[in-house]
PDB file of N, CA and C in Angstrom:
ATOM      1  N   MET A   1     -19.487  78.279  43.367  1.00  0.00           N
ATOM      2  CA  MET A   1     -19.076  77.051  43.994  1.00  0.00           C
ATOM      3  C   MET A   1     -20.303  76.397  44.604  1.00  0.00           C
ATOM      4  N   GLN A   2     -20.422  75.114  44.425  1.00  0.00           N
ATOM      5  CA  GLN A   2     -21.522  74.353  45.008  1.00  0.00           C
ATOM      6  C   GLN A   2     -20.962  73.541  46.163  1.00  0.00           C
ATOM      7  N   LEU A   3     -21.568  73.705  47.343  1.00  0.00           N
ATOM      8  CA  LEU A   3     -21.114  72.978  48.522  1.00  0.00           C
ATOM      9  C   LEU A   3     -22.164  72.022  49.059  1.00  0.00           C
ATOM     10  N   VAL A   4     -23.339  71.990  48.451  1.00  0.00           N
ATOM     11  CA  VAL A   4     -24.412  71.116  48.899  1.00  0.00           C
ATOM     12  C   VAL A   4     -24.445  69.897  47.979  1.00  0.00           C
ATOM     13  N   ASP A   5     -24.604  68.719  48.568  1.00  0.00           N
ATOM     14  CA  ASP A   5     -24.636  67.441  47.866  1.00  0.00           C
ATOM     15  C   ASP A   5     -23.262  67.011  47.356  1.00  0.00           C
ATOM     16  N   ASP A   6     -22.554  67.891  46.712  1.00  0.00           N
ATOM     17  CA  ASP A   6     -21.236  67.571  46.177  1.00  0.00           C
ATOM     18  C   ASP A   6     -20.452  68.868  46.086  1.00  0.00           C
ATOM     19  N   VAL A   7     -19.152  68.790  46.163  1.00  0.00           N
ATOM     20  CA  VAL A   7     -18.312  69.972  46.038  1.00  0.00           C
ATOM     21  C   VAL A   7     -17.906  70.096  44.580  1.00  0.00           C
ATOM     22  N   ARG A   8     -18.349  71.189  43.966  1.00  0.00           N
ATOM     23  CA  ARG A   8     -18.022  71.443  42.563  1.00  0.00           C
ATOM     24  C   ARG A   8     -17.761  72.925  42.381  1.00  0.00           C
ATOM     25  N   VAL A   9     -16.904  73.219  41.447  1.00  0.00           N
ATOM     26  CA  VAL A   9     -16.685  74.603  41.048  1.00  0.00           C
ATOM     27  C   VAL A   9     -17.521  74.832  39.802  1.00  0.00           C
ATOM     28  N   LEU A  10     -18.379  75.848  39.866  1.00  0.00           N
ATOM     29  CA  LEU A  10     -19.270  76.166  38.757  1.00  0.00           C
ATOM     30  C   LEU A  10     -18.811  77.447  38.078  1.00  0.00           C
ATOM     31  N   ARG A  11     -18.970  77.466  36.779  1.00  0.00           N
ATOM     32  CA  ARG A  11     -18.686  78.687  36.036  1.00  0.00           C
ATOM     33  C   ARG A  11     -19.691  78.789  34.908  1.00  0.00           C
ATOM     34  N   ASP A  12     -20.340  79.937  34.843  1.00  0.00           N
ATOM     35  CA  ASP A  12     -21.379  80.160  33.832  1.00  0.00           C
ATOM     36  C   ASP A  12     -22.430  79.048  33.867  1.00  0.00           C
ATOM     37  N   GLY A  13     -22.765  78.597  35.089  1.00  0.00           N
ATOM     38  CA  GLY A  13     -23.816  77.610  35.271  1.00  0.00           C
ATOM     39  C   GLY A  13     -23.403  76.170  35.091  1.00  0.00           C
ATOM     40  N   GLY A  14     -22.171  75.932  34.655  1.00  0.00           N
ATOM     41  CA  GLY A  14     -21.722  74.556  34.446  1.00  0.00           C
ATOM     42  C   GLY A  14     -20.551  74.208  35.343  1.00  0.00           C
ATOM     43  N   ALA A  15     -20.438  72.930  35.663  1.00  0.00           N
ATOM     44  CA  ALA A  15     -19.336  72.463  36.499  1.00  0.00           C
ATOM     45  C   ALA A  15     -18.044  72.453  35.692  1.00  0.00           C
ATOM     46  N   LEU A  16     -16.954  72.850  36.344  1.00  0.00           N
ATOM     47  CA  LEU A  16     -15.656  72.873  35.678  1.00  0.00           C
ATOM     48  C   LEU A  16     -14.973  71.518  35.687  1.00  0.00           C
ATOM     49  N   GLY A  17     -15.478  70.600  36.438  1.00  0.00           N
ATOM     50  CA  GLY A  17     -14.881  69.273  36.486  1.00  0.00           C
ATOM     51  C   GLY A  17     -14.904  68.749  37.905  1.00  0.00           C
ATOM     52  N   ALA A  18     -14.680  67.463  38.017  1.00  0.00           N
ATOM     53  CA  ALA A  18     -14.690  66.829  39.323  1.00  0.00           C
ATOM     54  C   ALA A  18     -13.439  67.200  40.106  1.00  0.00           C
ATOM     55  N   ILE A  19     -13.608  67.372  41.404  1.00  0.00           N
ATOM     56  CA  ILE A  19     -12.485  67.601  42.296  1.00  0.00           C
ATOM     57  C   ILE A  19     -12.054  66.233  42.802  1.00  0.00           C
ATOM     58  N   ASP A  20     -10.862  65.816  42.439  1.00  0.00           N
ATOM     59  CA  ASP A  20     -10.379  64.482  42.772  1.00  0.00           C
ATOM     60  C   ASP A  20      -9.933  64.397  44.224  1.00  0.00           C
ATOM     61  N   GLY A  21     -10.545  63.513  44.968  1.00  0.00           N
ATOM     62  CA  GLY A  21     -10.104  63.194  46.313  1.00  0.00           C
ATOM     63  C   GLY A  21     -10.720  64.042  47.406  1.00  0.00           C
ATOM     64  N   ARG A  22     -10.986  63.393  48.528  1.00  0.00           N
ATOM     65  CA  ARG A  22     -11.569  64.075  49.685  1.00  0.00           C
ATOM     66  C   ARG A  22     -10.666  65.192  50.225  1.00  0.00           C
ATOM     67  N   PRO A  23      -9.332  64.991  50.353  1.00  0.00           N
ATOM     68  CA  PRO A  23      -8.495  66.078  50.861  1.00  0.00           C
ATOM     69  C   PRO A  23      -8.559  67.338  49.995  1.00  0.00           C
ATOM     70  N   ALA A  24      -8.597  67.161  48.679  1.00  0.00           N
ATOM     71  CA  ALA A  24      -8.690  68.324  47.789  1.00  0.00           C
ATOM     72  C   ALA A  24     -10.033  69.031  47.963  1.00  0.00           C
ATOM     73  N   ARG A  25     -11.105  68.262  48.145  1.00  0.00           N
ATOM     74  CA  ARG A  25     -12.425  68.874  48.360  1.00  0.00           C
ATOM     75  C   ARG A  25     -12.458  69.610  49.700  1.00  0.00           C
ATOM     76  N   LEU A  26     -11.885  69.000  50.741  1.00  0.00           N
ATOM     77  CA  LEU A  26     -11.814  69.682  52.043  1.00  0.00           C
ATOM     78  C   LEU A  26     -11.051  71.004  51.932  1.00  0.00           C
ATOM     79  N   LEU A  27      -9.943  70.953  51.233  1.00  0.00           N
ATOM     80  CA  LEU A  27      -9.133  72.161  51.059  1.00  0.00           C
ATOM     81  C   LEU A  27      -9.911  73.231  50.300  1.00  0.00           C
ATOM     82  N   LEU A  28     -10.586  72.848  49.245  1.00  0.00           N
ATOM     83  CA  LEU A  28     -11.365  73.810  48.460  1.00  0.00           C
ATOM     84  C   LEU A  28     -12.442  74.472  49.309  1.00  0.00           C
ATOM     85  N   VAL A  29     -13.154  73.680  50.093  1.00  0.00           N
ATOM     86  CA  VAL A  29     -14.195  74.229  50.957  1.00  0.00           C
ATOM     87  C   VAL A  29     -13.577  75.155  52.002  1.00  0.00           C
ATOM     88  N   TRP A  30     -12.471  74.738  52.610  1.00  0.00           N
ATOM     89  CA  TRP A  30     -11.821  75.568  53.629  1.00  0.00           C
ATOM     90  C   TRP A  30     -11.394  76.904  53.018  1.00  0.00           C
ATOM     91  N   LEU A  31     -10.789  76.853  51.833  1.00  0.00           N
ATOM     92  CA  LEU A  31     -10.355  78.086  51.179  1.00  0.00           C
ATOM     93  C   LEU A  31     -11.534  78.988  50.832  1.00  0.00           C
ATOM     94  N   ALA A  32     -12.642  78.388  50.425  1.00  0.00           N
ATOM     95  CA  ALA A  32     -13.826  79.189  50.101  1.00  0.00           C
ATOM     96  C   ALA A  32     -14.377  79.886  51.342  1.00  0.00           C
ATOM     97  N   LEU A  33     -14.265  79.235  52.483  1.00  0.00           N
ATOM     98  CA  LEU A  33     -14.791  79.811  53.727  1.00  0.00           C
ATOM     99  C   LEU A  33     -13.804  80.753  54.421  1.00  0.00           C
ATOM    100  N   HIS A  34     -12.560  80.748  53.986  1.00  0.00           N
ATOM    101  CA  HIS A  34     -11.522  81.585  54.593  1.00  0.00           C
ATOM    102  C   HIS A  34     -10.778  82.334  53.489  1.00  0.00           C
ATOM    103  N   PRO A  35     -11.416  83.349  52.910  1.00  0.00           N
ATOM    104  CA  PRO A  35     -10.808  84.051  51.778  1.00  0.00           C
ATOM    105  C   PRO A  35      -9.528  84.781  52.170  1.00  0.00           C
ATOM    106  N   GLY A  36      -8.722  85.022  51.178  1.00  0.00           N
ATOM    107  CA  GLY A  36      -7.468  85.743  51.385  1.00  0.00           C
ATOM    108  C   GLY A  36      -6.307  84.785  51.556  1.00  0.00           C
ATOM    109  N   ARG A  37      -5.141  85.361  51.652  1.00  0.00           N
ATOM    110  CA  ARG A  37      -3.933  84.550  51.818  1.00  0.00           C
ATOM    111  C   ARG A  37      -3.890  83.970  53.219  1.00  0.00           C
ATOM    112  N   GLN A  38      -3.465  82.727  53.298  1.00  0.00           N
ATOM    113  CA  GLN A  38      -3.392  82.027  54.574  1.00  0.00           C
ATOM    114  C   GLN A  38      -2.035  81.347  54.681  1.00  0.00           C
ATOM    115  N   PRO A  39      -1.408  81.396  55.854  1.00  0.00           N
ATOM    116  CA  PRO A  39      -0.145  80.662  56.020  1.00  0.00           C
ATOM    117  C   PRO A  39      -0.387  79.160  55.889  1.00  0.00           C
ATOM    118  N   ARG A  40       0.489  78.488  55.172  1.00  0.00           N
ATOM    119  CA  ARG A  40       0.308  77.053  54.934  1.00  0.00           C
ATOM    120  C   ARG A  40       0.254  76.267  56.242  1.00  0.00           C
ATOM    121  N   ASN A  41       1.087  76.620  57.201  1.00  0.00           N
ATOM    122  CA  ASN A  41       1.072  75.904  58.485  1.00  0.00           C
ATOM    123  C   ASN A  41      -0.298  76.001  59.142  1.00  0.00           C
ATOM    124  N   HIS A  42      -0.902  77.182  59.059  1.00  0.00           N
ATOM    125  CA  HIS A  42      -2.218  77.393  59.652  1.00  0.00           C
ATOM    126  C   HIS A  42      -3.278  76.549  58.942  1.00  0.00           C
ATOM    127  N   VAL A  43      -3.254  76.571  57.612  1.00  0.00           N
ATOM    128  CA  VAL A  43      -4.234  75.798  56.839  1.00  0.00           C
ATOM    129  C   VAL A  43      -4.100  74.310  57.165  1.00  0.00           C
ATOM    130  N   ALA A  44      -2.875  73.819  57.153  1.00  0.00           N
ATOM    131  CA  ALA A  44      -2.639  72.399  57.440  1.00  0.00           C
ATOM    132  C   ALA A  44      -3.147  72.035  58.829  1.00  0.00           C
ATOM    133  N   ALA A  45      -2.881  72.881  59.813  1.00  0.00           N
ATOM    134  CA  ALA A  45      -3.320  72.604  61.186  1.00  0.00           C
ATOM    135  C   ALA A  45      -4.836  72.652  61.318  1.00  0.00           C
ATOM    136  N   GLN A  46      -5.493  73.493  60.534  1.00  0.00           N
ATOM    137  CA  GLN A  46      -6.948  73.591  60.597  1.00  0.00           C
ATOM    138  C   GLN A  46      -7.635  72.380  59.957  1.00  0.00           C
ATOM    139  N   ILE A  47      -7.090  71.912  58.844  1.00  0.00           N
ATOM    140  CA  ILE A  47      -7.728  70.809  58.123  1.00  0.00           C
ATOM    141  C   ILE A  47      -7.363  69.455  58.734  1.00  0.00           C
ATOM    142  N   TRP A  48      -6.140  69.342  59.237  1.00  0.00           N
ATOM    143  CA  TRP A  48      -5.670  68.089  59.838  1.00  0.00           C
ATOM    144  C   TRP A  48      -5.171  68.358  61.263  1.00  0.00           C
ATOM    145  N   PRO A  49      -6.082  68.708  62.185  1.00  0.00           N
ATOM    146  CA  PRO A  49      -5.670  69.127  63.533  1.00  0.00           C
ATOM    147  C   PRO A  49      -5.100  67.998  64.399  1.00  0.00           C
ATOM    148  N   ASP A  50      -5.458  66.763  64.110  1.00  0.00           N
ATOM    149  CA  ASP A  50      -5.024  65.642  64.955  1.00  0.00           C
ATOM    150  C   ASP A  50      -3.803  64.921  64.399  1.00  0.00           C
ATOM    151  N   VAL A  51      -3.108  65.565  63.489  1.00  0.00           N
ATOM    152  CA  VAL A  51      -1.967  64.955  62.815  1.00  0.00           C
ATOM    153  C   VAL A  51      -0.712  65.756  63.153  1.00  0.00           C
ATOM    154  N   HIS A  52       0.432  65.073  63.197  1.00  0.00           N
ATOM    155  CA  HIS A  52       1.703  65.773  63.432  1.00  0.00           C
ATOM    156  C   HIS A  52       1.857  66.880  62.382  1.00  0.00           C
ATOM    157  N   PRO A  53       2.379  68.054  62.755  1.00  0.00           N
ATOM    158  CA  PRO A  53       2.484  69.173  61.812  1.00  0.00           C
ATOM    159  C   PRO A  53       3.207  68.830  60.503  1.00  0.00           C
ATOM    160  N   ASP A  54       4.255  68.019  60.567  1.00  0.00           N
ATOM    161  CA  ASP A  54       4.949  67.643  59.327  1.00  0.00           C
ATOM    162  C   ASP A  54       4.037  66.828  58.408  1.00  0.00           C
ATOM    163  N   SER A  55       3.288  65.905  58.990  1.00  0.00           N
ATOM    164  CA  SER A  55       2.350  65.098  58.195  1.00  0.00           C
ATOM    165  C   SER A  55       1.217  65.959  57.651  1.00  0.00           C
ATOM    166  N   ALA A  56       0.749  66.921  58.444  1.00  0.00           N
ATOM    167  CA  ALA A  56      -0.318  67.815  57.987  1.00  0.00           C
ATOM    168  C   ALA A  56       0.162  68.646  56.794  1.00  0.00           C
ATOM    169  N   ARG A  57       1.391  69.141  56.854  1.00  0.00           N
ATOM    170  CA  ARG A  57       1.928  69.921  55.731  1.00  0.00           C
ATOM    171  C   ARG A  57       2.097  69.048  54.485  1.00  0.00           C
ATOM    172  N   THR A  58       2.514  67.796  54.674  1.00  0.00           N
ATOM    173  CA  THR A  58       2.634  66.872  53.536  1.00  0.00           C
ATOM    174  C   THR A  58       1.258  66.629  52.919  1.00  0.00           C
ATOM    175  N   SER A  59       0.258  66.441  53.764  1.00  0.00           N
ATOM    176  CA  SER A  59      -1.111  66.253  53.263  1.00  0.00           C
ATOM    177  C   SER A  59      -1.597  67.485  52.526  1.00  0.00           C
ATOM    178  N   LEU A  60      -1.258  68.658  53.030  1.00  0.00           N
ATOM    179  CA  LEU A  60      -1.650  69.903  52.365  1.00  0.00           C
ATOM    180  C   LEU A  60      -1.011  70.003  50.987  1.00  0.00           C
ATOM    181  N   ARG A  61       0.279  69.683  50.888  1.00  0.00           N
ATOM    182  CA  ARG A  61       0.944  69.734  49.580  1.00  0.00           C
ATOM    183  C   ARG A  61       0.272  68.790  48.589  1.00  0.00           C
ATOM    184  N   ALA A  62      -0.062  67.597  49.049  1.00  0.00           N
ATOM    185  CA  ALA A  62      -0.725  66.630  48.163  1.00  0.00           C
ATOM    186  C   ALA A  62      -2.109  67.125  47.754  1.00  0.00           C
ATOM    187  N   ALA A  63      -2.854  67.693  48.707  1.00  0.00           N
ATOM    188  CA  ALA A  63      -4.195  68.204  48.396  1.00  0.00           C
ATOM    189  C   ALA A  63      -4.117  69.377  47.425  1.00  0.00           C
ATOM    190  N   LEU A  64      -3.130  70.251  47.614  1.00  0.00           N
ATOM    191  CA  LEU A  64      -2.955  71.378  46.687  1.00  0.00           C
ATOM    192  C   LEU A  64      -2.653  70.892  45.277  1.00  0.00           C
ATOM    193  N   ALA A  65      -1.755  69.914  45.165  1.00  0.00           N
ATOM    194  CA  ALA A  65      -1.412  69.378  43.842  1.00  0.00           C
ATOM    195  C   ALA A  65      -2.638  68.764  43.180  1.00  0.00           C
ATOM    196  N   SER A  66      -3.414  68.007  43.940  1.00  0.00           N
ATOM    197  CA  SER A  66      -4.624  67.391  43.402  1.00  0.00           C
ATOM    198  C   SER A  66      -5.637  68.444  42.977  1.00  0.00           C
ATOM    199  N   LEU A  67      -5.810  69.468  43.803  1.00  0.00           N
ATOM    200  CA  LEU A  67      -6.752  70.542  43.486  1.00  0.00           C
ATOM    201  C   LEU A  67      -6.322  71.290  42.232  1.00  0.00           C
ATOM    202  N   ARG A  68      -5.039  71.572  42.113  1.00  0.00           N
ATOM    203  CA  ARG A  68      -4.541  72.265  40.913  1.00  0.00           C
ATOM    204  C   ARG A  68      -4.802  71.437  39.655  1.00  0.00           C
ATOM    205  N   ARG A  69      -4.533  70.142  39.738  1.00  0.00           N
ATOM    206  CA  ARG A  69      -4.790  69.271  38.575  1.00  0.00           C
ATOM    207  C   ARG A  69      -6.277  69.234  38.237  1.00  0.00           C
ATOM    208  N   SER A  70      -7.110  69.148  39.262  1.00  0.00           N
ATOM    209  CA  SER A  70      -8.559  69.054  39.039  1.00  0.00           C
ATOM    210  C   SER A  70      -9.129  70.320  38.413  1.00  0.00           C
ATOM    211  N   LEU A  71      -8.661  71.467  38.881  1.00  0.00           N
ATOM    212  CA  LEU A  71      -9.260  72.733  38.447  1.00  0.00           C
ATOM    213  C   LEU A  71      -8.730  73.230  37.107  1.00  0.00           C
ATOM    214  N   GLY A  72      -7.458  73.058  36.847  1.00  0.00           N
ATOM    215  CA  GLY A  72      -6.878  73.641  35.648  1.00  0.00           C
ATOM    216  C   GLY A  72      -6.658  75.138  35.855  1.00  0.00           C
ATOM    217  N   GLU A  73      -5.896  75.740  34.985  1.00  0.00           N
ATOM    218  CA  GLU A  73      -5.488  77.146  35.164  1.00  0.00           C
ATOM    219  C   GLU A  73      -6.659  78.123  35.097  1.00  0.00           C
ATOM    220  N   ASP A  74      -7.583  77.941  34.157  1.00  0.00           N
ATOM    221  CA  ASP A  74      -8.707  78.874  34.034  1.00  0.00           C
ATOM    222  C   ASP A  74      -9.564  78.886  35.299  1.00  0.00           C
ATOM    223  N   ALA A  75      -9.833  77.712  35.833  1.00  0.00           N
ATOM    224  CA  ALA A  75     -10.652  77.626  37.042  1.00  0.00           C
ATOM    225  C   ALA A  75      -9.920  78.203  38.242  1.00  0.00           C
ATOM    226  N   ARG A  76      -8.621  77.964  38.336  1.00  0.00           N
ATOM    227  CA  ARG A  76      -7.850  78.525  39.459  1.00  0.00           C
ATOM    228  C   ARG A  76      -7.896  80.045  39.417  1.00  0.00           C
ATOM    229  N   THR A  77      -7.755  80.608  38.228  1.00  0.00           N
ATOM    230  CA  THR A  77      -7.802  82.067  38.093  1.00  0.00           C
ATOM    231  C   THR A  77      -9.184  82.590  38.489  1.00  0.00           C
ATOM    232  N   ALA A  78     -10.225  81.927  38.027  1.00  0.00           N
ATOM    233  CA  ALA A  78     -11.593  82.355  38.377  1.00  0.00           C
ATOM    234  C   ALA A  78     -11.830  82.232  39.874  1.00  0.00           C
ATOM    235  N   PHE A  79     -11.352  81.151  40.483  1.00  0.00           N
ATOM    236  CA  PHE A  79     -11.528  80.948  41.917  1.00  0.00           C
ATOM    237  C   PHE A  79     -10.792  82.029  42.711  1.00  0.00           C
ATOM    238  N   ARG A  80      -9.555  82.323  42.328  1.00  0.00           N
ATOM    239  CA  ARG A  80      -8.789  83.368  43.039  1.00  0.00           C
ATOM    240  C   ARG A  80      -9.489  84.721  42.918  1.00  0.00           C
ATOM    241  N   THR A  81     -10.056  85.008  41.757  1.00  0.00           N
ATOM    242  CA  THR A  81     -10.776  86.270  41.568  1.00  0.00           C
ATOM    243  C   THR A  81     -11.986  86.334  42.489  1.00  0.00           C
ATOM    244  N   GLN A  82     -12.780  85.247  42.541  1.00  0.00           N
ATOM    245  CA  GLN A  82     -13.943  85.199  43.425  1.00  0.00           C
ATOM    246  C   GLN A  82     -13.528  85.287  44.888  1.00  0.00           C
ATOM    247  N   GLN A  83     -12.457  84.593  45.245  1.00  0.00           N
ATOM    248  CA  GLN A  83     -11.991  84.608  46.626  1.00  0.00           C
ATOM    249  C   GLN A  83     -11.552  86.014  47.023  1.00  0.00           C
ATOM    250  N   HIS A  84     -10.862  86.700  46.118  1.00  0.00           N
ATOM    251  CA  HIS A  84     -10.434  88.069  46.391  1.00  0.00           C
ATOM    252  C   HIS A  84     -11.646  88.984  46.575  1.00  0.00           C
ATOM    253  N   GLN A  85     -12.641  88.836  45.722  1.00  0.00           N
ATOM    254  CA  GLN A  85     -13.846  89.660  45.829  1.00  0.00           C
ATOM    255  C   GLN A  85     -14.579  89.376  47.143  1.00  0.00           C
ATOM    256  N   ALA A  86     -14.692  88.102  47.506  1.00  0.00           N
ATOM    257  CA  ALA A  86     -15.347  87.742  48.769  1.00  0.00           C
ATOM    258  C   ALA A  86     -14.598  88.335  49.947  1.00  0.00           C
ATOM    259  N   SER A  87     -13.286  88.318  49.865  1.00  0.00           N
ATOM    260  CA  SER A  87     -12.470  88.898  50.937  1.00  0.00           C
ATOM    261  C   SER A  87     -12.749  90.390  51.054  1.00  0.00           C
ATOM    262  N   ARG A  88     -12.868  91.082  49.939  1.00  0.00           N
ATOM    263  CA  ARG A  88     -13.153  92.519  49.963  1.00  0.00           C
ATOM    264  C   ARG A  88     -14.531  92.772  50.565  1.00  0.00           C
ATOM    265  N   TRP A  89     -15.531  91.968  50.180  1.00  0.00           N
ATOM    266  CA  TRP A  89     -16.877  92.159  50.715  1.00  0.00           C
ATOM    267  C   TRP A  89     -16.941  91.855  52.199  1.00  0.00           C
ATOM    268  N   THR A  90     -16.069  90.989  52.681  1.00  0.00           N
ATOM    269  CA  THR A  90     -16.086  90.606  54.088  1.00  0.00           C
ATOM    270  C   THR A  90     -15.817  91.799  54.992  1.00  0.00           C
ATOM    271  N   TYR A  91     -14.907  92.664  54.602  1.00  0.00           N
ATOM    272  CA  TYR A  91     -14.564  93.741  55.517  1.00  0.00           C
ATOM    273  C   TYR A  91     -14.994  95.127  55.077  1.00  0.00           C
ATOM    274  N   LEU A  92     -15.198  95.376  53.806  1.00  0.00           N
ATOM    275  CA  LEU A  92     -15.543  96.727  53.379  1.00  0.00           C
ATOM    276  C   LEU A  92     -16.909  97.135  53.905  1.00  0.00           C
ATOM    277  N   GLY A  93     -16.924  98.157  54.673  1.00  0.00           N
ATOM    278  CA  GLY A  93     -18.173  98.706  55.171  1.00  0.00           C
ATOM    279  C   GLY A  93     -18.872  97.844  56.201  1.00  0.00           C
ATOM    280  N   SER A  94     -18.225  96.833  56.750  1.00  0.00           N
ATOM    281  CA  SER A  94     -18.912  95.943  57.683  1.00  0.00           C
ATOM    282  C   SER A  94     -18.145  95.779  58.993  1.00  0.00           C
ATOM    283  N   GLY A  95     -17.763  96.864  59.566  1.00  0.00           N
ATOM    284  CA  GLY A  95     -17.124  96.785  60.873  1.00  0.00           C
ATOM    285  C   GLY A  95     -15.626  96.594  60.828  1.00  0.00           C
ATOM    286  N   MET A  96     -14.991  97.106  59.778  1.00  0.00           N
ATOM    287  CA  MET A  96     -13.554  96.876  59.671  1.00  0.00           C
ATOM    288  C   MET A  96     -12.745  97.619  60.727  1.00  0.00           C
ATOM    289  N   THR A  97     -13.385  98.478  61.496  1.00  0.00           N
ATOM    290  CA  THR A  97     -12.664  99.130  62.585  1.00  0.00           C
ATOM    291  C   THR A  97     -12.930  98.454  63.928  1.00  0.00           C
ATOM    292  N   HIS A  98     -13.725  97.391  63.921  1.00  0.00           N
ATOM    293  CA  HIS A  98     -14.015  96.670  65.159  1.00  0.00           C
ATOM    294  C   HIS A  98     -12.711  96.101  65.729  1.00  0.00           C
ATOM    295  N   PRO A  99     -12.472  96.256  67.033  1.00  0.00           N
ATOM    296  CA  PRO A  99     -11.212  95.802  67.628  1.00  0.00           C
ATOM    297  C   PRO A  99     -10.909  94.320  67.385  1.00  0.00           C
ATOM    298  N   GLN A 100     -11.920  93.468  67.437  1.00  0.00           N
ATOM    299  CA  GLN A 100     -11.673  92.042  67.235  1.00  0.00           C
ATOM    300  C   GLN A 100     -11.267  91.756  65.794  1.00  0.00           C
ATOM    301  N   PHE A 101     -11.917  92.424  64.849  1.00  0.00           N
ATOM    302  CA  PHE A 101     -11.545  92.261  63.441  1.00  0.00           C
ATOM    303  C   PHE A 101     -10.110  92.710  63.225  1.00  0.00           C
ATOM    304  N   ARG A 102      -9.757  93.877  63.766  1.00  0.00           N
ATOM    305  CA  ARG A 102      -8.398  94.405  63.604  1.00  0.00           C
ATOM    306  C   ARG A 102      -7.373  93.474  64.236  1.00  0.00           C
ATOM    307  N   ALA A 103      -7.678  92.923  65.417  1.00  0.00           N
ATOM    308  CA  ALA A 103      -6.745  92.024  66.095  1.00  0.00           C
ATOM    309  C   ALA A 103      -6.549  90.734  65.288  1.00  0.00           C
ATOM    310  N   THR A 104      -7.657  90.201  64.775  1.00  0.00           N
ATOM    311  CA  THR A 104      -7.569  88.977  63.983  1.00  0.00           C
ATOM    312  C   THR A 104      -6.791  89.228  62.705  1.00  0.00           C
ATOM    313  N   LEU A 105      -7.115  90.305  62.016  1.00  0.00           N
ATOM    314  CA  LEU A 105      -6.405  90.643  60.790  1.00  0.00           C
ATOM    315  C   LEU A 105      -4.931  90.870  61.075  1.00  0.00           C
ATOM    316  N   GLY A 106      -4.628  91.557  62.175  1.00  0.00           N
ATOM    317  CA  GLY A 106      -3.232  91.802  62.541  1.00  0.00           C
ATOM    318  C   GLY A 106      -2.481  90.524  62.830  1.00  0.00           C
ATOM    319  N   ALA A 107      -3.162  89.529  63.396  1.00  0.00           N
ATOM    320  CA  ALA A 107      -2.519  88.243  63.666  1.00  0.00           C
ATOM    321  C   ALA A 107      -2.212  87.493  62.372  1.00  0.00           C
ATOM    322  N   ILE A 108      -3.092  87.659  61.375  1.00  0.00           N
ATOM    323  CA  ILE A 108      -2.895  86.982  60.095  1.00  0.00           C
ATOM    324  C   ILE A 108      -1.880  87.740  59.248  1.00  0.00           C
ATOM    325  N   THR A 109      -2.075  89.043  59.137  1.00  0.00           N
ATOM    326  CA  THR A 109      -1.198  89.858  58.310  1.00  0.00           C
ATOM    327  C   THR A 109      -1.155  91.281  58.845  1.00  0.00           C
ATOM    328  N   PRO A 110      -0.101  91.621  59.566  1.00  0.00           N
ATOM    329  CA  PRO A 110       0.015  92.992  60.076  1.00  0.00           C
ATOM    330  C   PRO A 110      -0.061  94.044  58.964  1.00  0.00           C
ATOM    331  N   ALA A 111       0.507  93.732  57.805  1.00  0.00           N
ATOM    332  CA  ALA A 111       0.452  94.688  56.695  1.00  0.00           C
ATOM    333  C   ALA A 111      -0.988  94.910  56.242  1.00  0.00           C
ATOM    334  N   GLY A 112      -1.798  93.843  56.256  1.00  0.00           N
ATOM    335  CA  GLY A 112      -3.206  93.970  55.903  1.00  0.00           C
ATOM    336  C   GLY A 112      -3.950  94.857  56.873  1.00  0.00           C
ATOM    337  N   ARG A 113      -3.659  94.684  58.165  1.00  0.00           N
ATOM    338  CA  ARG A 113      -4.292  95.539  59.177  1.00  0.00           C
ATOM    339  C   ARG A 113      -3.903  96.997  58.942  1.00  0.00           C
ATOM    340  N   ASP A 114      -2.642  97.242  58.617  1.00  0.00           N
ATOM    341  CA  ASP A 114      -2.190  98.613  58.369  1.00  0.00           C
ATOM    342  C   ASP A 114      -2.899  99.222  57.163  1.00  0.00           C
ATOM    343  N   ARG A 115      -3.126  98.404  56.120  1.00  0.00           N
ATOM    344  CA  ARG A 115      -3.848  98.925  54.941  1.00  0.00           C
ATOM    345  C   ARG A 115      -5.283  99.276  55.311  1.00  0.00           C
ATOM    346  N   ILE A 116      -5.922  98.429  56.119  1.00  0.00           N
ATOM    347  CA  ILE A 116      -7.290  98.705  56.562  1.00  0.00           C
ATOM    348  C   ILE A 116      -7.321  99.972  57.404  1.00  0.00           C
ATOM    349  N   ASP A 117      -6.366 100.108  58.302  1.00  0.00           N
ATOM    350  CA  ASP A 117      -6.312 101.312  59.132  1.00  0.00           C
ATOM    351  C   ASP A 117      -6.195 102.575  58.272  1.00  0.00           C
ATOM    352  N   ALA A 118      -5.491 102.458  57.153  1.00  0.00           N
ATOM    353  CA  ALA A 118      -5.305 103.611  56.276  1.00  0.00           C
ATOM    354  C   ALA A 118      -6.585 103.987  55.523  1.00  0.00           C
ATOM    355  N   ILE A 119      -7.389 102.972  55.136  1.00  0.00           N
ATOM    356  CA  ILE A 119      -8.582 103.288  54.342  1.00  0.00           C
ATOM    357  C   ILE A 119      -9.864 103.330  55.154  1.00  0.00           C
ATOM    358  N   ALA A 120      -9.846 102.827  56.379  1.00  0.00           N
ATOM    359  CA  ALA A 120     -11.064 102.744  57.197  1.00  0.00           C
ATOM    360  C   ALA A 120     -11.785 104.074  57.360  1.00  0.00           C
ATOM    361  N   PRO A 121     -11.082 105.200  57.523  1.00  0.00           N
ATOM    362  CA  PRO A 121     -11.826 106.467  57.689  1.00  0.00           C
ATOM    363  C   PRO A 121     -12.758 106.782  56.530  1.00  0.00           C
ATOM    364  N   ALA A 122     -12.468 106.283  55.346  1.00  0.00           N
ATOM    365  CA  ALA A 122     -13.328 106.556  54.189  1.00  0.00           C
ATOM    366  C   ALA A 122     -14.679 105.867  54.319  1.00  0.00           C
ATOM    367  N   PHE A 123     -14.769 104.841  55.158  1.00  0.00           N
ATOM    368  CA  PHE A 123     -16.010 104.090  55.325  1.00  0.00           C
ATOM    369  C   PHE A 123     -16.736 104.423  56.604  1.00  0.00           C
ATOM    370  N   ALA A 124     -16.205 105.351  57.366  1.00  0.00           N
ATOM    371  CA  ALA A 124     -16.824 105.705  58.659  1.00  0.00           C
ATOM    372  C   ALA A 124     -18.080 106.517  58.450  1.00  0.00           C
TER     373      ALA A 124
END
């Protein structure tokens, strides 16, 4: 993914296509910086913090639709794979037992925190 000068999704050195619209580009950048599953309400509130929650969710739906059209299925699959890998690198072997990390993960997904608690001893 290229985030400097222009927001583009790259694959094998080439751009996959233009991302239509500023909201779709904002969403793509936000998702790249926040790997893993995210509650839609949270994403909408983060990208459109000064907007009524219903309007923010409507904007999120529109941005998602635009992003899906722009990327196409192959690019979406590649992006999800990269996002999943980035999420794994974020916590594996890098302080996944830290109390703040565990609290944050637990707030996002208690089941995720439980999975980390189960595998964390292997990385100690």
